[in-house]
Amino acid sequence: MATPKQQAKASNPKPKEITLPSGAVATRLYFKGKHVRAAQRLADGDPSKSLFAIISVVTLIDGKPILMEDIDEMDGPDVIALMAEFNDVF
C-alpha cells in the first residue's frame, strides 16, 4: 500500500513541455492553490492580467522562469500557444 506522500506524488501530473512556434521550449509546471493566489496578487484585480499572471508563475521558458512583462515581449504566436495550453485550467 502506498504512503500518503507517495499517493500525493502519484496524483501530481508531470510537467508538460510545449515547443513554441519560435522553437523555444515552454514547461508548464504542476501548480496548486498557492500558485493561483500568487498569480492573483500579480494581476492586482485586473482581469486582463490574470492569464499572463498564472502563465508567468507556473511556466519556464528554456528552463528559466519568466515574468508577465516577458510574455508582453514574446512573439505573438508563442503567446497564443501558451494561452492555449492554459485554456483547460483557466
N, C-alpha and C. Protein backbone atom coordinates (compact mmCIF):
# COMPACT_ATOMS: atom_id res chain seq x y z
N MET A 1 0.84 -1.18 0.00
CA MET A 1 0.00 0.00 0.00
C MET A 1 0.89 1.25 0.00
N ALA A 2 0.50 2.23 -0.80
CA ALA A 2 1.29 3.45 -0.92
C ALA A 2 1.07 4.35 0.29
N THR A 3 2.13 5.04 0.66
CA THR A 3 2.02 6.00 1.75
C THR A 3 1.28 7.24 1.24
N PRO A 4 0.76 8.08 2.16
CA PRO A 4 0.10 9.31 1.72
C PRO A 4 1.00 10.19 0.84
N LYS A 5 2.29 10.25 1.18
CA LYS A 5 3.22 11.06 0.39
C LYS A 5 3.36 10.49 -1.02
N GLN A 6 3.44 9.17 -1.13
CA GLN A 6 3.54 8.53 -2.44
C GLN A 6 2.26 8.75 -3.25
N GLN A 7 1.12 8.66 -2.58
CA GLN A 7 -0.16 8.90 -3.26
C GLN A 7 -0.23 10.33 -3.78
N ALA A 8 0.20 11.28 -2.97
CA ALA A 8 0.17 12.69 -3.39
C ALA A 8 1.09 12.90 -4.58
N LYS A 9 2.27 12.29 -4.54
CA LYS A 9 3.21 12.44 -5.64
C LYS A 9 2.65 11.81 -6.92
N ALA A 10 2.01 10.67 -6.78
CA ALA A 10 1.45 9.98 -7.94
C ALA A 10 0.31 10.77 -8.57
N SER A 11 -0.42 11.55 -7.74
CA SER A 11 -1.55 12.30 -8.28
C SER A 11 -1.13 13.63 -8.92
N ASN A 12 0.12 14.05 -8.72
CA ASN A 12 0.60 15.29 -9.31
C ASN A 12 1.07 15.02 -10.73
N PRO A 13 0.42 15.65 -11.70
CA PRO A 13 0.85 15.43 -13.08
C PRO A 13 2.28 15.92 -13.28
N LYS A 14 2.95 15.28 -14.20
CA LYS A 14 4.32 15.70 -14.53
C LYS A 14 4.27 17.02 -15.29
N PRO A 15 5.35 17.77 -15.24
CA PRO A 15 5.40 19.00 -16.04
C PRO A 15 5.18 18.66 -17.52
N LYS A 16 4.55 19.59 -18.21
CA LYS A 16 4.26 19.38 -19.63
C LYS A 16 5.13 20.30 -20.46
N GLU A 17 5.86 19.74 -21.40
CA GLU A 17 6.70 20.54 -22.28
C GLU A 17 5.97 20.85 -23.57
N ILE A 18 6.10 22.09 -24.01
CA ILE A 18 5.47 22.55 -25.25
C ILE A 18 6.54 23.24 -26.07
N THR A 19 6.71 22.81 -27.31
CA THR A 19 7.62 23.53 -28.20
C THR A 19 6.82 24.65 -28.86
N LEU A 20 7.26 25.87 -28.61
CA LEU A 20 6.57 27.04 -29.15
C LEU A 20 6.94 27.25 -30.60
N PRO A 21 6.13 28.00 -31.35
CA PRO A 21 6.43 28.24 -32.76
C PRO A 21 7.84 28.79 -33.02
N SER A 22 8.38 29.55 -32.06
CA SER A 22 9.73 30.11 -32.22
C SER A 22 10.83 29.07 -32.03
N GLY A 23 10.46 27.89 -31.50
CA GLY A 23 11.44 26.86 -31.19
C GLY A 23 11.80 26.80 -29.72
N ALA A 24 11.43 27.82 -28.96
CA ALA A 24 11.68 27.80 -27.51
C ALA A 24 10.82 26.70 -26.88
N VAL A 25 11.30 26.16 -25.77
CA VAL A 25 10.56 25.11 -25.08
C VAL A 25 9.97 25.68 -23.79
N ALA A 26 8.66 25.63 -23.71
CA ALA A 26 7.95 26.06 -22.50
C ALA A 26 7.61 24.84 -21.68
N THR A 27 7.78 24.95 -20.39
CA THR A 27 7.44 23.86 -19.47
C THR A 27 6.35 24.37 -18.54
N ARG A 28 5.18 23.76 -18.64
CA ARG A 28 4.07 24.10 -17.74
C ARG A 28 4.19 23.19 -16.53
N LEU A 29 4.48 23.80 -15.38
CA LEU A 29 4.66 23.05 -14.15
C LEU A 29 3.31 22.73 -13.50
N TYR A 30 3.31 21.67 -12.71
CA TYR A 30 2.13 21.37 -11.90
C TYR A 30 1.96 22.51 -10.91
N PHE A 31 0.73 22.93 -10.68
CA PHE A 31 0.55 24.02 -9.73
C PHE A 31 -0.59 23.76 -8.78
N LYS A 32 -0.54 24.49 -7.67
CA LYS A 32 -1.51 24.35 -6.58
C LYS A 32 -2.18 25.68 -6.32
N GLY A 33 -3.05 25.68 -5.34
CA GLY A 33 -3.77 26.90 -4.99
C GLY A 33 -2.85 28.05 -4.64
N LYS A 34 -1.72 27.75 -3.99
CA LYS A 34 -0.80 28.83 -3.62
C LYS A 34 -0.25 29.54 -4.86
N HIS A 35 -0.12 28.82 -5.96
CA HIS A 35 0.36 29.43 -7.20
C HIS A 35 -0.73 30.31 -7.81
N VAL A 36 -1.97 29.84 -7.71
CA VAL A 36 -3.10 30.64 -8.20
C VAL A 36 -3.21 31.93 -7.40
N ARG A 37 -3.02 31.82 -6.09
CA ARG A 37 -3.09 33.01 -5.24
C ARG A 37 -1.96 33.98 -5.59
N ALA A 38 -0.77 33.47 -5.84
CA ALA A 38 0.35 34.33 -6.23
C ALA A 38 0.03 35.06 -7.55
N ALA A 39 -0.60 34.34 -8.47
CA ALA A 39 -0.98 34.96 -9.75
C ALA A 39 -2.04 36.03 -9.53
N GLN A 40 -2.98 35.79 -8.62
CA GLN A 40 -4.00 36.80 -8.33
C GLN A 40 -3.36 38.07 -7.78
N ARG A 41 -2.35 37.90 -6.93
CA ARG A 41 -1.65 39.08 -6.41
C ARG A 41 -0.95 39.83 -7.53
N LEU A 42 -0.33 39.10 -8.45
CA LEU A 42 0.35 39.74 -9.58
C LEU A 42 -0.64 40.50 -10.46
N ALA A 43 -1.80 39.92 -10.68
CA ALA A 43 -2.81 40.55 -11.54
C ALA A 43 -3.41 41.78 -10.89
N ASP A 44 -3.34 41.86 -9.58
CA ASP A 44 -3.79 43.04 -8.82
C ASP A 44 -5.22 43.45 -9.19
N GLY A 45 -6.10 42.46 -9.32
CA GLY A 45 -7.50 42.74 -9.59
C GLY A 45 -7.82 43.06 -11.04
N ASP A 46 -6.84 43.03 -11.91
CA ASP A 46 -7.06 43.35 -13.33
C ASP A 46 -7.29 42.05 -14.10
N PRO A 47 -8.53 41.79 -14.52
CA PRO A 47 -8.82 40.53 -15.22
C PRO A 47 -8.00 40.34 -16.50
N SER A 48 -7.58 41.43 -17.13
CA SER A 48 -6.80 41.29 -18.36
C SER A 48 -5.39 40.77 -18.08
N LYS A 49 -4.96 40.80 -16.82
CA LYS A 49 -3.63 40.30 -16.45
C LYS A 49 -3.67 38.89 -15.89
N SER A 50 -4.84 38.36 -15.61
CA SER A 50 -4.95 37.09 -14.89
C SER A 50 -4.28 35.92 -15.61
N LEU A 51 -4.52 35.77 -16.89
CA LEU A 51 -3.95 34.64 -17.62
C LEU A 51 -2.43 34.77 -17.71
N PHE A 52 -1.94 35.95 -18.04
CA PHE A 52 -0.49 36.15 -18.11
C PHE A 52 0.14 35.91 -16.75
N ALA A 53 -0.56 36.28 -15.69
CA ALA A 53 -0.02 36.10 -14.34
C ALA A 53 0.16 34.62 -14.02
N ILE A 54 -0.86 33.80 -14.27
CA ILE A 54 -0.72 32.37 -13.97
C ILE A 54 0.32 31.73 -14.88
N ILE A 55 0.37 32.14 -16.13
CA ILE A 55 1.40 31.61 -17.04
C ILE A 55 2.78 31.93 -16.48
N SER A 56 2.99 33.17 -16.04
CA SER A 56 4.32 33.55 -15.55
C SER A 56 4.70 32.82 -14.26
N VAL A 57 3.72 32.49 -13.45
CA VAL A 57 4.00 31.83 -12.17
C VAL A 57 4.37 30.36 -12.37
N VAL A 58 3.78 29.69 -13.35
CA VAL A 58 3.96 28.23 -13.45
C VAL A 58 4.60 27.77 -14.75
N THR A 59 5.26 28.67 -15.46
CA THR A 59 5.87 28.31 -16.74
C THR A 59 7.34 28.67 -16.75
N LEU A 60 8.12 27.77 -17.30
CA LEU A 60 9.53 28.04 -17.58
C LEU A 60 9.69 28.10 -19.09
N ILE A 61 10.55 28.99 -19.56
CA ILE A 61 10.89 29.04 -20.98
C ILE A 61 12.37 28.70 -21.08
N ASP A 62 12.64 27.64 -21.82
CA ASP A 62 14.02 27.13 -21.94
C ASP A 62 14.65 26.95 -20.56
N GLY A 63 13.83 26.47 -19.62
CA GLY A 63 14.31 26.14 -18.29
C GLY A 63 14.43 27.31 -17.33
N LYS A 64 14.02 28.50 -17.76
CA LYS A 64 14.16 29.69 -16.91
C LYS A 64 12.80 30.28 -16.58
N PRO A 65 12.63 30.80 -15.35
CA PRO A 65 11.36 31.45 -15.00
C PRO A 65 11.15 32.71 -15.83
N ILE A 66 9.89 33.09 -15.96
CA ILE A 66 9.56 34.29 -16.73
C ILE A 66 8.70 35.22 -15.90
N LEU A 67 8.65 36.46 -16.32
CA LEU A 67 7.80 37.48 -15.72
C LEU A 67 6.65 37.78 -16.67
N MET A 68 5.60 38.40 -16.15
CA MET A 68 4.48 38.80 -17.02
C MET A 68 5.00 39.71 -18.14
N GLU A 69 5.92 40.58 -17.81
CA GLU A 69 6.46 41.51 -18.80
C GLU A 69 7.22 40.78 -19.92
N ASP A 70 7.80 39.63 -19.60
CA ASP A 70 8.46 38.82 -20.62
C ASP A 70 7.45 38.33 -21.65
N ILE A 71 6.27 37.97 -21.18
CA ILE A 71 5.22 37.49 -22.08
C ILE A 71 4.79 38.62 -23.01
N ASP A 72 4.73 39.84 -22.50
CA ASP A 72 4.39 41.00 -23.33
C ASP A 72 5.34 41.16 -24.50
N GLU A 73 6.60 40.78 -24.32
CA GLU A 73 7.62 40.97 -25.35
C GLU A 73 7.83 39.74 -26.23
N MET A 74 7.12 38.64 -25.94
CA MET A 74 7.26 37.43 -26.75
C MET A 74 6.57 37.60 -28.09
N ASP A 75 6.98 36.79 -29.06
CA ASP A 75 6.30 36.77 -30.36
C ASP A 75 4.85 36.34 -30.15
N GLY A 76 3.95 36.97 -30.88
CA GLY A 76 2.53 36.69 -30.76
C GLY A 76 2.16 35.22 -30.87
N PRO A 77 2.69 34.50 -31.89
CA PRO A 77 2.34 33.08 -31.99
C PRO A 77 2.76 32.27 -30.75
N ASP A 78 3.87 32.63 -30.13
CA ASP A 78 4.28 31.95 -28.91
C ASP A 78 3.30 32.22 -27.77
N VAL A 79 2.87 33.49 -27.67
CA VAL A 79 1.92 33.86 -26.61
C VAL A 79 0.60 33.11 -26.80
N ILE A 80 0.13 33.04 -28.02
CA ILE A 80 -1.13 32.33 -28.29
C ILE A 80 -0.99 30.85 -27.97
N ALA A 81 0.15 30.26 -28.29
CA ALA A 81 0.38 28.84 -27.97
C ALA A 81 0.37 28.63 -26.46
N LEU A 82 0.99 29.54 -25.70
CA LEU A 82 0.97 29.42 -24.24
C LEU A 82 -0.45 29.58 -23.70
N MET A 83 -1.17 30.56 -24.22
CA MET A 83 -2.53 30.78 -23.77
C MET A 83 -3.41 29.55 -24.01
N ALA A 84 -3.20 28.92 -25.16
CA ALA A 84 -3.98 27.72 -25.50
C ALA A 84 -3.70 26.59 -24.51
N GLU A 85 -2.49 26.50 -24.00
CA GLU A 85 -2.13 25.46 -23.03
C GLU A 85 -2.87 25.63 -21.71
N PHE A 86 -3.31 26.85 -21.43
CA PHE A 86 -3.99 27.12 -20.16
C PHE A 86 -5.49 27.20 -20.29
N ASN A 87 -6.03 27.01 -21.49
CA ASN A 87 -7.49 27.06 -21.67
C ASN A 87 -8.21 26.01 -20.83
N ASP A 88 -7.56 24.89 -20.59
CA ASP A 88 -8.23 23.83 -19.83
C ASP A 88 -8.28 24.10 -18.34
N VAL A 89 -7.51 25.07 -17.86
CA VAL A 89 -7.49 25.35 -16.42
C VAL A 89 -7.92 26.77 -16.09
N PHE A 90 -8.16 27.57 -17.07
CA PHE A 90 -8.47 28.97 -16.80
C PHE A 90 -9.83 29.34 -17.34
